Amino acid sequence: MFGRVLVQPTGSKPVPISQAIRNTSRVTLPGVIPEIDIWRVANLMLKRYGNKAKAHSDRHGEELTTSGDDAGAAVWRRITGAIEQLTNTIPPGPLH
């Protein structure tokens, strides 16, 4: 059986993550970048680089992969995915 994942909200004792999520509207997990921050960076990349934002994002990810920073590269892959979604002009289904 897997052990329980514990988090320690500021100024309190460690509690199971499921309880922490139920008890608060926002839980900060160490080392995890919130999804809203990924979308913020994607928007900033689009504002700064326009139609070259995806290429810049890909380049950041490749540089981090080459340097051995797999966690950083994973973050940039998430940002690249968000950029792709923001720039997708094809509707997900048939138009009515």
PDB file of N, CA and C in Angstrom:
ATOM      1  N   MET A   1       0.841  -1.176   0.000  1.00  0.00           N
ATOM      2  CA  MET A   1       0.000   0.000   0.000  1.00  0.00           C
ATOM      3  C   MET A   1       0.885   1.237   0.000  1.00  0.00           C
ATOM      4  N   PHE A   2       0.462   2.258  -0.692  1.00  0.00           N
ATOM      5  CA  PHE A   2       1.220   3.500  -0.754  1.00  0.00           C
ATOM      6  C   PHE A   2       1.063   4.274   0.544  1.00  0.00           C
ATOM      7  N   GLY A   3       2.137   4.982   0.917  1.00  0.00           N
ATOM      8  CA  GLY A   3       2.074   5.833   2.100  1.00  0.00           C
ATOM      9  C   GLY A   3       1.246   7.073   1.810  1.00  0.00           C
ATOM     10  N   ARG A   4       0.785   7.694   2.868  1.00  0.00           N
ATOM     11  CA  ARG A   4       0.002   8.913   2.695  1.00  0.00           C
ATOM     12  C   ARG A   4       0.934  10.073   2.371  1.00  0.00           C
ATOM     13  N   VAL A   5       0.507  10.924   1.471  1.00  0.00           N
ATOM     14  CA  VAL A   5       1.262  12.120   1.149  1.00  0.00           C
ATOM     15  C   VAL A   5       0.851  13.204   2.132  1.00  0.00           C
ATOM     16  N   LEU A   6       1.838  13.746   2.844  1.00  0.00           N
ATOM     17  CA  LEU A   6       1.551  14.771   3.837  1.00  0.00           C
ATOM     18  C   LEU A   6       2.060  16.125   3.347  1.00  0.00           C
ATOM     19  N   VAL A   7       1.315  17.142   3.663  1.00  0.00           N
ATOM     20  CA  VAL A   7       1.752  18.514   3.424  1.00  0.00           C
ATOM     21  C   VAL A   7       1.681  19.245   4.746  1.00  0.00           C
ATOM     22  N   GLN A   8       2.430  20.322   4.840  1.00  0.00           N
ATOM     23  CA  GLN A   8       2.426  21.087   6.077  1.00  0.00           C
ATOM     24  C   GLN A   8       2.035  22.525   5.760  1.00  0.00           C
ATOM     25  N   PRO A   9       0.721  22.836   5.925  1.00  0.00           N
ATOM     26  CA  PRO A   9       0.306  24.219   5.730  1.00  0.00           C
ATOM     27  C   PRO A   9       1.067  25.130   6.691  1.00  0.00           C
ATOM     28  N   THR A  10       1.300  26.343   6.282  1.00  0.00           N
ATOM     29  CA  THR A  10       2.072  27.294   7.079  1.00  0.00           C
ATOM     30  C   THR A  10       1.551  27.369   8.510  1.00  0.00           C
ATOM     31  N   GLY A  11       2.463  27.153   9.453  1.00  0.00           N
ATOM     32  CA  GLY A  11       2.131  27.305  10.863  1.00  0.00           C
ATOM     33  C   GLY A  11       1.276  26.205  11.458  1.00  0.00           C
ATOM     34  N   SER A  12       1.219  25.040  10.836  1.00  0.00           N
ATOM     35  CA  SER A  12       0.412  23.962  11.405  1.00  0.00           C
ATOM     36  C   SER A  12       1.134  22.632  11.228  1.00  0.00           C
ATOM     37  N   LYS A  13       0.537  21.586  11.782  1.00  0.00           N
ATOM     38  CA  LYS A  13       1.159  20.266  11.708  1.00  0.00           C
ATOM     39  C   LYS A  13       0.860  19.611  10.360  1.00  0.00           C
ATOM     40  N   PRO A  14       1.689  18.642   9.958  1.00  0.00           N
ATOM     41  CA  PRO A  14       1.453  17.949   8.683  1.00  0.00           C
ATOM     42  C   PRO A  14       0.098  17.232   8.673  1.00  0.00           C
ATOM     43  N   VAL A  15      -0.583  17.320   7.530  1.00  0.00           N
ATOM     44  CA  VAL A  15      -1.878  16.654   7.357  1.00  0.00           C
ATOM     45  C   VAL A  15      -1.874  15.962   6.004  1.00  0.00           C
ATOM     46  N   PRO A  16      -2.711  14.927   5.821  1.00  0.00           N
ATOM     47  CA  PRO A  16      -2.809  14.287   4.509  1.00  0.00           C
ATOM     48  C   PRO A  16      -3.212  15.316   3.453  1.00  0.00           C
ATOM     49  N   ILE A  17      -2.646  15.181   2.265  1.00  0.00           N
ATOM     50  CA  ILE A  17      -2.906  16.149   1.211  1.00  0.00           C
ATOM     51  C   ILE A  17      -4.396  16.255   0.894  1.00  0.00           C
ATOM     52  N   SER A  18      -5.111  15.137   0.945  1.00  0.00           N
ATOM     53  CA  SER A  18      -6.549  15.189   0.643  1.00  0.00           C
ATOM     54  C   SER A  18      -7.290  16.058   1.656  1.00  0.00           C
ATOM     55  N   GLN A  19      -6.868  16.007   2.906  1.00  0.00           N
ATOM     56  CA  GLN A  19      -7.485  16.848   3.930  1.00  0.00           C
ATOM     57  C   GLN A  19      -7.111  18.309   3.709  1.00  0.00           C
ATOM     58  N   ALA A  20      -5.869  18.571   3.343  1.00  0.00           N
ATOM     59  CA  ALA A  20      -5.427  19.945   3.118  1.00  0.00           C
ATOM     60  C   ALA A  20      -6.202  20.564   1.958  1.00  0.00           C
ATOM     61  N   ILE A  21      -6.446  19.789   0.913  1.00  0.00           N
ATOM     62  CA  ILE A  21      -7.191  20.297  -0.233  1.00  0.00           C
ATOM     63  C   ILE A  21      -8.627  20.603   0.163  1.00  0.00           C
ATOM     64  N   ARG A  22      -9.221  19.736   0.976  1.00  0.00           N
ATOM     65  CA  ARG A  22     -10.598  19.984   1.429  1.00  0.00           C
ATOM     66  C   ARG A  22     -10.666  21.198   2.348  1.00  0.00           C
ATOM     67  N   ASN A  23      -9.620  21.417   3.153  1.00  0.00           N
ATOM     68  CA  ASN A  23      -9.644  22.471   4.165  1.00  0.00           C
ATOM     69  C   ASN A  23      -9.318  23.856   3.637  1.00  0.00           C
ATOM     70  N   THR A  24      -8.716  23.953   2.465  1.00  0.00           N
ATOM     71  CA  THR A  24      -8.310  25.258   1.949  1.00  0.00           C
ATOM     72  C   THR A  24      -8.729  25.398   0.501  1.00  0.00           C
ATOM     73  N   SER A  25      -8.822  26.629   0.074  1.00  0.00           N
ATOM     74  CA  SER A  25      -9.160  26.856  -1.325  1.00  0.00           C
ATOM     75  C   SER A  25      -7.922  26.782  -2.196  1.00  0.00           C
ATOM     76  N   ARG A  26      -6.737  26.987  -1.613  1.00  0.00           N
ATOM     77  CA  ARG A  26      -5.506  26.936  -2.389  1.00  0.00           C
ATOM     78  C   ARG A  26      -4.415  26.309  -1.542  1.00  0.00           C
ATOM     79  N   VAL A  27      -3.893  25.194  -2.001  1.00  0.00           N
ATOM     80  CA  VAL A  27      -2.806  24.514  -1.326  1.00  0.00           C
ATOM     81  C   VAL A  27      -1.550  24.721  -2.148  1.00  0.00           C
ATOM     82  N   THR A  28      -0.473  25.089  -1.515  1.00  0.00           N
ATOM     83  CA  THR A  28       0.788  25.248  -2.213  1.00  0.00           C
ATOM     84  C   THR A  28       1.630  24.013  -1.953  1.00  0.00           C
ATOM     85  N   LEU A  29       1.932  23.300  -3.008  1.00  0.00           N
ATOM     86  CA  LEU A  29       2.775  22.124  -2.897  1.00  0.00           C
ATOM     87  C   LEU A  29       4.184  22.517  -3.313  1.00  0.00           C
ATOM     88  N   PRO A  30       5.171  22.223  -2.499  1.00  0.00           N
ATOM     89  CA  PRO A  30       6.545  22.594  -2.835  1.00  0.00           C
ATOM     90  C   PRO A  30       6.963  21.995  -4.183  1.00  0.00           C
ATOM     91  N   GLY A  31       7.548  22.813  -5.041  1.00  0.00           N
ATOM     92  CA  GLY A  31       8.054  22.329  -6.312  1.00  0.00           C
ATOM     93  C   GLY A  31       7.017  22.188  -7.413  1.00  0.00           C
ATOM     94  N   VAL A  32       5.774  22.542  -7.143  1.00  0.00           N
ATOM     95  CA  VAL A  32       4.730  22.421  -8.156  1.00  0.00           C
ATOM     96  C   VAL A  32       4.318  23.823  -8.610  1.00  0.00           C
ATOM     97  N   ILE A  33       4.373  24.053  -9.918  1.00  0.00           N
ATOM     98  CA  ILE A  33       3.980  25.350 -10.452  1.00  0.00           C
ATOM     99  C   ILE A  33       2.490  25.295 -10.759  1.00  0.00           C
ATOM    100  N   PRO A  34       1.708  26.198 -10.166  1.00  0.00           N
ATOM    101  CA  PRO A  34       0.260  26.197 -10.408  1.00  0.00           C
ATOM    102  C   PRO A  34      -0.072  26.415 -11.886  1.00  0.00           C
ATOM    103  N   GLU A  35      -1.145  25.802 -12.311  1.00  0.00           N
ATOM    104  CA  GLU A  35      -1.578  25.893 -13.708  1.00  0.00           C
ATOM    105  C   GLU A  35      -1.800  27.345 -14.137  1.00  0.00           C
ATOM    106  N   ILE A  36      -2.309  28.177 -13.245  1.00  0.00           N
ATOM    107  CA  ILE A  36      -2.554  29.580 -13.594  1.00  0.00           C
ATOM    108  C   ILE A  36      -1.255  30.275 -13.975  1.00  0.00           C
ATOM    109  N   ASP A  37      -0.149  29.914 -13.328  1.00  0.00           N
ATOM    110  CA  ASP A  37       1.136  30.517 -13.658  1.00  0.00           C
ATOM    111  C   ASP A  37       1.634  30.064 -15.028  1.00  0.00           C
ATOM    112  N   ILE A  38       1.353  28.827 -15.394  1.00  0.00           N
ATOM    113  CA  ILE A  38       1.712  28.340 -16.740  1.00  0.00           C
ATOM    114  C   ILE A  38       0.995  29.187 -17.787  1.00  0.00           C
ATOM    115  N   TRP A  39      -0.302  29.421 -17.585  1.00  0.00           N
ATOM    116  CA  TRP A  39      -1.090  30.208 -18.544  1.00  0.00           C
ATOM    117  C   TRP A  39      -0.648  31.661 -18.560  1.00  0.00           C
ATOM    118  N   ARG A  40      -0.246  32.193 -17.417  1.00  0.00           N
ATOM    119  CA  ARG A  40       0.261  33.575 -17.376  1.00  0.00           C
ATOM    120  C   ARG A  40       1.526  33.709 -18.212  1.00  0.00           C
ATOM    121  N   VAL A  41       2.445  32.765 -18.051  1.00  0.00           N
ATOM    122  CA  VAL A  41       3.680  32.805 -18.830  1.00  0.00           C
ATOM    123  C   VAL A  41       3.366  32.652 -20.317  1.00  0.00           C
ATOM    124  N   ALA A  42       2.450  31.746 -20.663  1.00  0.00           N
ATOM    125  CA  ALA A  42       2.079  31.560 -22.071  1.00  0.00           C
ATOM    126  C   ALA A  42       1.542  32.865 -22.658  1.00  0.00           C
ATOM    127  N   ASN A  43       0.696  33.550 -21.906  1.00  0.00           N
ATOM    128  CA  ASN A  43       0.160  34.832 -22.376  1.00  0.00           C
ATOM    129  C   ASN A  43       1.262  35.870 -22.529  1.00  0.00           C
ATOM    130  N   LEU A  44       2.174  35.919 -21.572  1.00  0.00           N
ATOM    131  CA  LEU A  44       3.282  36.870 -21.666  1.00  0.00           C
ATOM    132  C   LEU A  44       4.182  36.560 -22.865  1.00  0.00           C
ATOM    133  N   MET A  45       4.420  35.279 -23.106  1.00  0.00           N
ATOM    134  CA  MET A  45       5.229  34.884 -24.267  1.00  0.00           C
ATOM    135  C   MET A  45       4.557  35.341 -25.563  1.00  0.00           C
ATOM    136  N   LEU A  46       3.241  35.166 -25.649  1.00  0.00           N
ATOM    137  CA  LEU A  46       2.523  35.587 -26.856  1.00  0.00           C
ATOM    138  C   LEU A  46       2.567  37.104 -27.023  1.00  0.00           C
ATOM    139  N   LYS A  47       2.459  37.837 -25.928  1.00  0.00           N
ATOM    140  CA  LYS A  47       2.526  39.299 -26.026  1.00  0.00           C
ATOM    141  C   LYS A  47       3.912  39.765 -26.455  1.00  0.00           C
ATOM    142  N   ARG A  48       4.929  39.100 -25.934  1.00  0.00           N
ATOM    143  CA  ARG A  48       6.296  39.535 -26.235  1.00  0.00           C
ATOM    144  C   ARG A  48       6.790  39.060 -27.598  1.00  0.00           C
ATOM    145  N   TYR A  49       6.517  37.803 -27.948  1.00  0.00           N
ATOM    146  CA  TYR A  49       7.095  37.221 -29.156  1.00  0.00           C
ATOM    147  C   TYR A  49       6.099  37.011 -30.285  1.00  0.00           C
ATOM    148  N   GLY A  50       4.822  37.209 -30.012  1.00  0.00           N
ATOM    149  CA  GLY A  50       3.812  37.053 -31.063  1.00  0.00           C
ATOM    150  C   GLY A  50       3.804  35.648 -31.633  1.00  0.00           C
ATOM    151  N   ASN A  51       3.825  35.551 -32.977  1.00  0.00           N
ATOM    152  CA  ASN A  51       3.740  34.240 -33.612  1.00  0.00           C
ATOM    153  C   ASN A  51       5.016  33.402 -33.465  1.00  0.00           C
ATOM    154  N   LYS A  52       6.053  33.956 -32.842  1.00  0.00           N
ATOM    155  CA  LYS A  52       7.284  33.196 -32.591  1.00  0.00           C
ATOM    156  C   LYS A  52       7.352  32.686 -31.149  1.00  0.00           C
ATOM    157  N   ALA A  53       6.285  32.860 -30.391  1.00  0.00           N
ATOM    158  CA  ALA A  53       6.268  32.460 -28.977  1.00  0.00           C
ATOM    159  C   ALA A  53       6.498  30.963 -28.804  1.00  0.00           C
ATOM    160  N   LYS A  54       5.860  30.154 -29.643  1.00  0.00           N
ATOM    161  CA  LYS A  54       6.017  28.703 -29.519  1.00  0.00           C
ATOM    162  C   LYS A  54       7.457  28.295 -29.781  1.00  0.00           C
ATOM    163  N   ALA A  55       8.091  28.899 -30.786  1.00  0.00           N
ATOM    164  CA  ALA A  55       9.485  28.584 -31.101  1.00  0.00           C
ATOM    165  C   ALA A  55      10.401  28.954 -29.935  1.00  0.00           C
ATOM    166  N   HIS A  56      10.171  30.106 -29.322  1.00  0.00           N
ATOM    167  CA  HIS A  56      10.971  30.509 -28.168  1.00  0.00           C
ATOM    168  C   HIS A  56      10.751  29.556 -26.995  1.00  0.00           C
ATOM    169  N   SER A  57       9.519  29.163 -26.779  1.00  0.00           N
ATOM    170  CA  SER A  57       9.199  28.245 -25.692  1.00  0.00           C
ATOM    171  C   SER A  57       9.863  26.877 -25.926  1.00  0.00           C
ATOM    172  N   ASP A  58       9.791  26.395 -27.161  1.00  0.00           N
ATOM    173  CA  ASP A  58      10.461  25.133 -27.507  1.00  0.00           C
ATOM    174  C   ASP A  58      11.961  25.230 -27.241  1.00  0.00           C
ATOM    175  N   ARG A  59      12.539  26.356 -27.627  1.00  0.00           N
ATOM    176  CA  ARG A  59      13.979  26.552 -27.450  1.00  0.00           C
ATOM    177  C   ARG A  59      14.360  26.524 -25.973  1.00  0.00           C
ATOM    178  N   HIS A  60      13.569  27.181 -25.131  1.00  0.00           N
ATOM    179  CA  HIS A  60      13.842  27.152 -23.684  1.00  0.00           C
ATOM    180  C   HIS A  60      13.827  25.715 -23.171  1.00  0.00           C
ATOM    181  N   GLY A  61      12.824  24.953 -23.584  1.00  0.00           N
ATOM    182  CA  GLY A  61      12.723  23.557 -23.147  1.00  0.00           C
ATOM    183  C   GLY A  61      13.898  22.721 -23.603  1.00  0.00           C
ATOM    184  N   GLU A  62      14.319  22.915 -24.855  1.00  0.00           N
ATOM    185  CA  GLU A  62      15.455  22.155 -25.388  1.00  0.00           C
ATOM    186  C   GLU A  62      16.749  22.497 -24.653  1.00  0.00           C
ATOM    187  N   GLU A  63      16.941  23.790 -24.363  1.00  0.00           N
ATOM    188  CA  GLU A  63      18.144  24.203 -23.635  1.00  0.00           C
ATOM    189  C   GLU A  63      18.191  23.568 -22.245  1.00  0.00           C
ATOM    190  N   LEU A  64      17.046  23.520 -21.585  1.00  0.00           N
ATOM    191  CA  LEU A  64      17.008  22.931 -20.250  1.00  0.00           C
ATOM    192  C   LEU A  64      17.215  21.424 -20.299  1.00  0.00           C
ATOM    193  N   THR A  65      16.662  20.775 -21.314  1.00  0.00           N
ATOM    194  CA  THR A  65      16.878  19.343 -21.470  1.00  0.00           C
ATOM    195  C   THR A  65      18.358  19.051 -21.692  1.00  0.00           C
ATOM    196  N   THR A  66      18.990  19.844 -22.551  1.00  0.00           N
ATOM    197  CA  THR A  66      20.409  19.670 -22.846  1.00  0.00           C
ATOM    198  C   THR A  66      21.271  19.859 -21.601  1.00  0.00           C
ATOM    199  N   SER A  67      20.884  20.801 -20.756  1.00  0.00           N
ATOM    200  CA  SER A  67      21.664  21.061 -19.537  1.00  0.00           C
ATOM    201  C   SER A  67      21.328  20.087 -18.408  1.00  0.00           C
ATOM    202  N   GLY A  68      20.360  19.182 -18.636  1.00  0.00           N
ATOM    203  CA  GLY A  68      20.028  18.168 -17.634  1.00  0.00           C
ATOM    204  C   GLY A  68      18.945  18.578 -16.657  1.00  0.00           C
ATOM    205  N   ASP A  69      18.291  19.703 -16.903  1.00  0.00           N
ATOM    206  CA  ASP A  69      17.224  20.171 -16.015  1.00  0.00           C
ATOM    207  C   ASP A  69      15.884  19.654 -16.546  1.00  0.00           C
ATOM    208  N   ASP A  70      15.590  18.402 -16.213  1.00  0.00           N
ATOM    209  CA  ASP A  70      14.366  17.776 -16.719  1.00  0.00           C
ATOM    210  C   ASP A  70      13.111  18.425 -16.153  1.00  0.00           C
ATOM    211  N   ALA A  71      13.153  18.855 -14.897  1.00  0.00           N
ATOM    212  CA  ALA A  71      11.987  19.499 -14.291  1.00  0.00           C
ATOM    213  C   ALA A  71      11.693  20.826 -14.981  1.00  0.00           C
ATOM    214  N   GLY A  72      12.736  21.610 -15.247  1.00  0.00           N
ATOM    215  CA  GLY A  72      12.559  22.880 -15.951  1.00  0.00           C
ATOM    216  C   GLY A  72      12.044  22.668 -17.359  1.00  0.00           C
ATOM    217  N   ALA A  73      12.566  21.635 -18.034  1.00  0.00           N
ATOM    218  CA  ALA A  73      12.105  21.323 -19.388  1.00  0.00           C
ATOM    219  C   ALA A  73      10.631  20.924 -19.377  1.00  0.00           C
ATOM    220  N   ALA A  74      10.211  20.195 -18.345  1.00  0.00           N
ATOM    221  CA  ALA A  74       8.806  19.787 -18.242  1.00  0.00           C
ATOM    222  C   ALA A  74       7.903  21.011 -18.082  1.00  0.00           C
ATOM    223  N   VAL A  75       8.363  21.998 -17.326  1.00  0.00           N
ATOM    224  CA  VAL A  75       7.585  23.229 -17.164  1.00  0.00           C
ATOM    225  C   VAL A  75       7.428  23.923 -18.512  1.00  0.00           C
ATOM    226  N   TRP A  76       8.515  24.007 -19.280  1.00  0.00           N
ATOM    227  CA  TRP A  76       8.426  24.673 -20.584  1.00  0.00           C
ATOM    228  C   TRP A  76       7.586  23.881 -21.572  1.00  0.00           C
ATOM    229  N   ARG A  77       7.539  22.560 -21.425  1.00  0.00           N
ATOM    230  CA  ARG A  77       6.621  21.781 -22.283  1.00  0.00           C
ATOM    231  C   ARG A  77       5.173  22.122 -21.946  1.00  0.00           C
ATOM    232  N   ARG A  78       4.881  22.332 -20.659  1.00  0.00           N
ATOM    233  CA  ARG A  78       3.528  22.749 -20.266  1.00  0.00           C
ATOM    234  C   ARG A  78       3.207  24.132 -20.836  1.00  0.00           C
ATOM    235  N   ILE A  79       4.179  25.031 -20.791  1.00  0.00           N
ATOM    236  CA  ILE A  79       3.976  26.372 -21.339  1.00  0.00           C
ATOM    237  C   ILE A  79       3.758  26.299 -22.844  1.00  0.00           C
ATOM    238  N   THR A  80       4.543  25.479 -23.528  1.00  0.00           N
ATOM    239  CA  THR A  80       4.376  25.307 -24.975  1.00  0.00           C
ATOM    240  C   THR A  80       2.984  24.784 -25.290  1.00  0.00           C
ATOM    241  N   GLY A  81       2.505  23.835 -24.510  1.00  0.00           N
ATOM    242  CA  GLY A  81       1.150  23.312 -24.712  1.00  0.00           C
ATOM    243  C   GLY A  81       0.097  24.385 -24.533  1.00  0.00           C
ATOM    244  N   ALA A  82       0.289  25.252 -23.543  1.00  0.00           N
ATOM    245  CA  ALA A  82      -0.661  26.344 -23.308  1.00  0.00           C
ATOM    246  C   ALA A  82      -0.631  27.332 -24.469  1.00  0.00           C
ATOM    247  N   ILE A  83       0.564  27.619 -24.994  1.00  0.00           N
ATOM    248  CA  ILE A  83       0.681  28.513 -26.151  1.00  0.00           C
ATOM    249  C   ILE A  83      -0.049  27.913 -27.344  1.00  0.00           C
ATOM    250  N   GLU A  84       0.128  26.609 -27.557  1.00  0.00           N
ATOM    251  CA  GLU A  84      -0.562  25.941 -28.673  1.00  0.00           C
ATOM    252  C   GLU A  84      -2.075  26.061 -28.526  1.00  0.00           C
ATOM    253  N   GLN A  85      -2.574  25.885 -27.317  1.00  0.00           N
ATOM    254  CA  GLN A  85      -4.023  25.987 -27.106  1.00  0.00           C
ATOM    255  C   GLN A  85      -4.518  27.414 -27.309  1.00  0.00           C
ATOM    256  N   LEU A  86      -3.739  28.391 -26.852  1.00  0.00           N
ATOM    257  CA  LEU A  86      -4.149  29.782 -26.998  1.00  0.00           C
ATOM    258  C   LEU A  86      -4.143  30.242 -28.464  1.00  0.00           C
ATOM    259  N   THR A  87      -3.281  29.647 -29.254  1.00  0.00           N
ATOM    260  CA  THR A  87      -3.181  30.063 -30.660  1.00  0.00           C
ATOM    261  C   THR A  87      -3.977  29.171 -31.609  1.00  0.00           C
ATOM    262  N   ASN A  88      -4.603  28.136 -31.081  1.00  0.00           N
ATOM    263  CA  ASN A  88      -5.398  27.228 -31.914  1.00  0.00           C
ATOM    264  C   ASN A  88      -6.666  27.937 -32.376  1.00  0.00           C
ATOM    265  N   THR A  89      -6.831  28.043 -33.673  1.00  0.00           N
ATOM    266  CA  THR A  89      -8.017  28.702 -34.226  1.00  0.00           C
ATOM    267  C   THR A  89      -9.032  27.712 -34.790  1.00  0.00           C
ATOM    268  N   ILE A  90      -8.719  26.418 -34.673  1.00  0.00           N
ATOM    269  CA  ILE A  90      -9.615  25.383 -35.175  1.00  0.00           C
ATOM    270  C   ILE A  90     -10.583  24.994 -34.056  1.00  0.00           C
ATOM    271  N   PRO A  91     -11.883  25.091 -34.293  1.00  0.00           N
ATOM    272  CA  PRO A  91     -12.837  24.711 -33.246  1.00  0.00           C
ATOM    273  C   PRO A  91     -12.726  23.226 -32.907  1.00  0.00           C
ATOM    274  N   PRO A  92     -13.018  22.849 -31.645  1.00  0.00           N
ATOM    275  CA  PRO A  92     -12.870  21.467 -31.229  1.00  0.00           C
ATOM    276  C   PRO A  92     -13.900  20.514 -31.820  1.00  0.00           C
ATOM    277  N   GLY A  93     -14.971  21.027 -32.335  1.00  0.00           N
ATOM    278  CA  GLY A  93     -16.021  20.163 -32.893  1.00  0.00           C
ATOM    279  C   GLY A  93     -16.725  20.866 -34.043  1.00  0.00           C
ATOM    280  N   PRO A  94     -17.749  20.228 -34.561  1.00  0.00           N
ATOM    281  CA  PRO A  94     -18.471  20.830 -35.683  1.00  0.00           C
ATOM    282  C   PRO A  94     -19.203  22.101 -35.249  1.00  0.00           C
ATOM    283  N   LEU A  95     -19.269  23.049 -36.153  1.00  0.00           N
ATOM    284  CA  LEU A  95     -20.018  24.271 -35.896  1.00  0.00           C
ATOM    285  C   LEU A  95     -21.479  24.019 -36.144  1.00  0.00           C
ATOM    286  N   HIS A  96     -22.328  24.648 -35.388  1.00  0.00           N
ATOM    287  CA  HIS A  96     -23.785  24.453 -35.532  1.00  0.00           C
ATOM    288  C   HIS A  96     -24.349  25.442 -36.504  1.00  0.00           C
TER     289      HIS A  96
END
